[in-house]
Amino acid sequence: MSNYFPEAPENKEFKKEDFKK
């Protein structure tokens, strides 16, 4: 899932939080 947001560190963090939910 590293390719989900290759150029979006902010989005990566958001996605990580979403997965934590």
N, C-alpha and C. Protein backbone atom coordinates (compact mmCIF):
# COMPACT_ATOMS: atom_id res chain seq x y z
N MET A 1 0.82 -1.21 0.00
CA MET A 1 0.00 0.00 0.00
C MET A 1 0.86 1.26 0.00
N SER A 2 2.13 1.07 -0.31
CA SER A 2 3.06 2.21 -0.34
C SER A 2 2.86 2.98 -1.65
N ASN A 3 2.24 2.33 -2.60
CA ASN A 3 2.03 2.96 -3.90
C ASN A 3 0.70 3.71 -3.95
N TYR A 4 -0.03 3.62 -2.86
CA TYR A 4 -1.34 4.29 -2.83
C TYR A 4 -1.17 5.80 -2.90
N PHE A 5 -0.20 6.31 -2.15
CA PHE A 5 0.08 7.76 -2.13
C PHE A 5 1.58 7.99 -2.21
N PRO A 6 2.15 7.76 -3.40
CA PRO A 6 3.59 7.92 -3.59
C PRO A 6 4.04 9.37 -3.41
N GLU A 7 3.18 10.28 -3.88
CA GLU A 7 3.56 11.71 -3.77
C GLU A 7 2.53 12.45 -2.92
N ALA A 8 2.34 11.97 -1.70
CA ALA A 8 1.36 12.62 -0.82
C ALA A 8 1.55 12.14 0.61
N PRO A 9 2.56 12.65 1.28
CA PRO A 9 2.86 12.26 2.66
C PRO A 9 1.69 12.57 3.60
N GLU A 10 1.03 13.67 3.33
CA GLU A 10 -0.12 14.05 4.16
C GLU A 10 -1.26 13.04 3.97
N ASN A 11 -1.44 12.64 2.73
CA ASN A 11 -2.50 11.66 2.44
C ASN A 11 -2.17 10.32 3.07
N LYS A 12 -0.88 10.01 3.06
CA LYS A 12 -0.43 8.73 3.63
C LYS A 12 -0.79 8.68 5.12
N GLU A 13 -0.58 9.78 5.79
CA GLU A 13 -0.88 9.84 7.23
C GLU A 13 -2.39 9.70 7.44
N PHE A 14 -3.13 10.36 6.59
CA PHE A 14 -4.59 10.32 6.71
C PHE A 14 -5.09 8.89 6.50
N LYS A 15 -4.51 8.24 5.48
CA LYS A 15 -4.90 6.86 5.18
C LYS A 15 -4.56 5.96 6.37
N LYS A 16 -3.40 6.22 6.96
CA LYS A 16 -2.97 5.41 8.11
C LYS A 16 -3.97 5.56 9.26
N GLU A 17 -4.41 6.77 9.45
CA GLU A 17 -5.37 7.01 10.54
C GLU A 17 -6.71 6.35 10.21
N ASP A 18 -7.04 6.37 8.95
CA ASP A 18 -8.29 5.77 8.51
C ASP A 18 -8.25 4.26 8.77
N PHE A 19 -7.09 3.68 8.55
CA PHE A 19 -6.94 2.24 8.75
C PHE A 19 -7.00 1.90 10.24
N LYS A 20 -6.57 2.86 11.04
CA LYS A 20 -6.54 2.63 12.50
C LYS A 20 -7.97 2.59 13.05
N LYS A 21 -8.85 3.33 12.39
CA LYS A 21 -10.25 3.40 12.85
C LYS A 21 -10.86 2.00 12.94
